[in-house]
C-alpha cells in the first residue's frame, strides 16, 4: 500500500496537490512506473518552484528511498520528475522548475526496474516558491 503525506500550507507557500495513483504495488515494477502525480500552484509573481521529499536520498538530488512501514528492509527507489524540471544540484535535493507559470505538474515514479515487496510506503513531497 502506498499513501501520501502533504505538509500544512502557509499563505506565502505554494498550494501542493499530490495524489497516489498506484495504491498497491508489489513484484517486479519497471523504471518510470508512476506511483503519484502532483501539481504545485502559486499565482503571485515568482521565478519557479522547488519540489522535494524528506525521504532518504538515493544518491542524486531527485531520487529517494522510501522505506516500508511494516518492515524497514523493504524499500522503493523513487524519483521526482517534471517535464520542465532539472535536478537541484545547489541544494542537493529535489528538482527546480524554472517558470513564472501559475502551476506546474510533476510525478513520483519508480527509479529503475526493481522487485518491490508488499508493505506500506508513505510518500512525502514538499514544495516551495523561487522568488525574484
Protein backbone atom coordinates (compact mmCIF):
# COMPACT_ATOMS: atom_id res chain seq x y z
CA UNK A 1 0.00 0.00 0.00
CA UNK A 2 1.26 3.47 -0.86
CA UNK A 3 -0.01 6.61 0.86
CA UNK A 4 0.94 10.28 0.75
CA UNK A 5 1.77 12.97 3.28
CA UNK A 6 1.34 16.65 2.42
CA UNK A 7 2.62 19.28 4.86
CA UNK A 8 0.48 22.20 6.05
CA UNK A 9 0.33 25.33 3.87
CA UNK A 10 1.10 28.92 4.90
CA UNK A 11 -0.02 31.98 2.89
CA UNK A 12 3.42 32.54 1.30
CA UNK A 13 3.87 28.92 0.23
CA UNK A 14 2.54 27.29 -2.92
CA UNK A 15 -0.50 25.09 -2.97
CA UNK A 16 0.65 21.49 -3.29
CA UNK A 17 -1.70 18.82 -4.59
CA UNK A 18 -0.44 15.24 -4.67
CA UNK A 19 -2.34 12.03 -5.29
CA UNK A 20 -1.13 8.46 -5.22
CA UNK A 21 -2.11 6.77 -8.49
CA UNK A 22 -0.85 3.26 -7.65
CA UNK A 23 -2.37 2.31 -4.29
CA UNK A 24 -0.90 -1.18 -4.17
CA UNK A 25 2.20 -2.44 -5.95
CA UNK A 26 4.46 -5.42 -5.42
CA UNK A 27 6.58 -7.73 -7.53
CA UNK A 28 8.68 -6.50 -10.44
CA UNK A 29 8.00 -2.87 -11.32
CA UNK A 30 9.57 -1.17 -14.34
CA UNK A 31 11.59 2.05 -14.38
CA UNK A 32 9.37 5.09 -14.72
CA UNK A 33 6.21 3.45 -13.37
CA UNK A 34 4.25 6.41 -11.95
CA UNK A 35 3.09 5.96 -8.37
CA UNK A 36 1.87 9.52 -7.79
CA UNK A 37 1.02 12.74 -9.62
CA UNK A 38 1.14 16.24 -8.27
CA UNK A 39 0.78 19.89 -9.07
CA UNK A 40 2.27 22.93 -7.39
CA UNK A 41 0.43 26.27 -7.76
CA UNK A 42 1.36 29.84 -6.86
CA UNK A 43 -0.27 32.83 -8.57
CA UNK A 44 1.75 35.89 -7.39
CA UNK A 45 4.98 36.79 -9.21
CA UNK A 46 7.69 34.12 -8.92
CA UNK A 47 10.55 32.52 -10.87
CA UNK A 48 9.64 28.88 -10.31
CA UNK A 49 9.28 26.06 -7.82
CA UNK A 50 11.36 23.54 -5.90
CA UNK A 51 9.79 20.11 -5.30
CA UNK A 52 11.49 17.59 -2.99
CA UNK A 53 10.99 14.84 -0.45
CA UNK A 54 12.37 14.42 3.06
CA UNK A 55 12.98 10.73 2.39
CA UNK A 56 16.49 9.27 2.38
CA UNK A 57 18.49 10.37 -0.68
CA UNK A 58 19.29 7.68 -3.25
CA UNK A 59 22.43 9.46 -4.49
CA UNK A 60 21.11 12.18 -6.82
CA UNK A 61 19.03 15.26 -5.93
CA UNK A 62 15.78 13.95 -7.42
CA UNK A 63 15.98 10.31 -6.22
CA UNK A 64 14.89 8.89 -2.87
CA UNK A 65 14.49 5.67 -0.94
CA UNK A 66 11.08 5.13 0.65
CA UNK A 67 11.25 2.51 3.43
CA UNK A 68 8.43 0.12 4.24
CA UNK A 69 6.43 0.90 7.38
CA UNK A 70 5.95 -2.74 8.36
CA UNK A 71 9.49 -3.88 7.51
CA UNK A 72 12.25 -1.26 7.20
CA UNK A 73 14.28 -3.63 4.99
CA UNK A 74 11.61 -3.21 2.31
CA UNK A 75 12.09 -0.13 0.17
CA UNK A 76 11.24 1.55 -3.12
CA UNK A 77 13.67 3.80 -5.03
CA UNK A 78 11.70 6.70 -6.50
CA UNK A 79 12.38 9.87 -8.47
CA UNK A 80 10.59 13.19 -8.75
CA UNK A 81 10.21 14.31 -12.36
CA UNK A 82 8.65 17.18 -14.25
CA UNK A 83 8.69 17.99 -17.95
CA UNK A 84 10.39 21.31 -17.11
CA UNK A 85 12.30 20.15 -14.03
CA UNK A 86 16.04 19.80 -13.52
CA UNK A 87 17.89 18.31 -10.53
CA UNK A 88 18.52 20.87 -7.78
CA UNK A 89 22.28 20.33 -7.54
CA UNK A 90 22.80 23.52 -5.49
CA UNK A 91 20.63 22.39 -2.54
CA UNK A 92 21.28 18.74 -3.31
CA UNK A 93 17.68 17.60 -3.05
CA UNK A 94 14.65 17.71 -5.33
CA UNK A 95 14.03 19.39 -8.66
CA UNK A 96 13.97 23.00 -9.79
CA UNK A 97 11.17 24.06 -12.11
CA UNK A 98 12.14 27.43 -13.52
CA UNK A 99 8.92 29.04 -14.71
CA UNK A 100 6.74 32.04 -13.99
CA UNK A 101 3.63 29.98 -14.79
CA UNK A 102 0.95 29.75 -12.11
CA UNK A 103 1.30 25.97 -11.84
CA UNK A 104 3.49 23.05 -12.83
CA UNK A 105 2.85 19.31 -12.75
CA UNK A 106 5.22 16.61 -11.53
CA UNK A 107 5.25 12.87 -10.91
CA UNK A 108 6.82 10.50 -8.42
CA UNK A 109 7.94 7.41 -10.34
CA UNK A 110 9.89 4.22 -9.70
CA UNK A 111 13.63 4.82 -10.24
CA UNK A 112 14.95 1.81 -12.14
CA UNK A 113 13.33 -1.58 -12.52
CA UNK A 114 13.08 -3.25 -9.11
CA UNK A 115 11.46 -6.01 -7.11
CA UNK A 116 9.09 -4.40 -4.61
CA UNK A 117 7.91 -6.24 -1.51
CA UNK A 118 4.33 -5.82 -0.33
CA UNK A 119 4.35 -3.25 2.51
CA UNK A 120 3.01 0.21 3.38
CA UNK A 121 5.10 3.03 1.90
CA UNK A 122 4.46 6.69 2.77
CA UNK A 123 5.48 9.17 0.07
CA UNK A 124 6.02 12.72 1.33
CA UNK A 125 6.53 15.63 -1.05
CA UNK A 126 7.21 19.29 -0.31
CA UNK A 127 7.28 22.40 -2.47
CA UNK A 128 8.49 25.97 -2.21
CA UNK A 129 8.46 29.03 -4.45
CA UNK A 130 11.51 30.60 -6.05
CA UNK A 131 11.06 34.35 -5.65
CA UNK A 132 12.58 37.01 -7.94
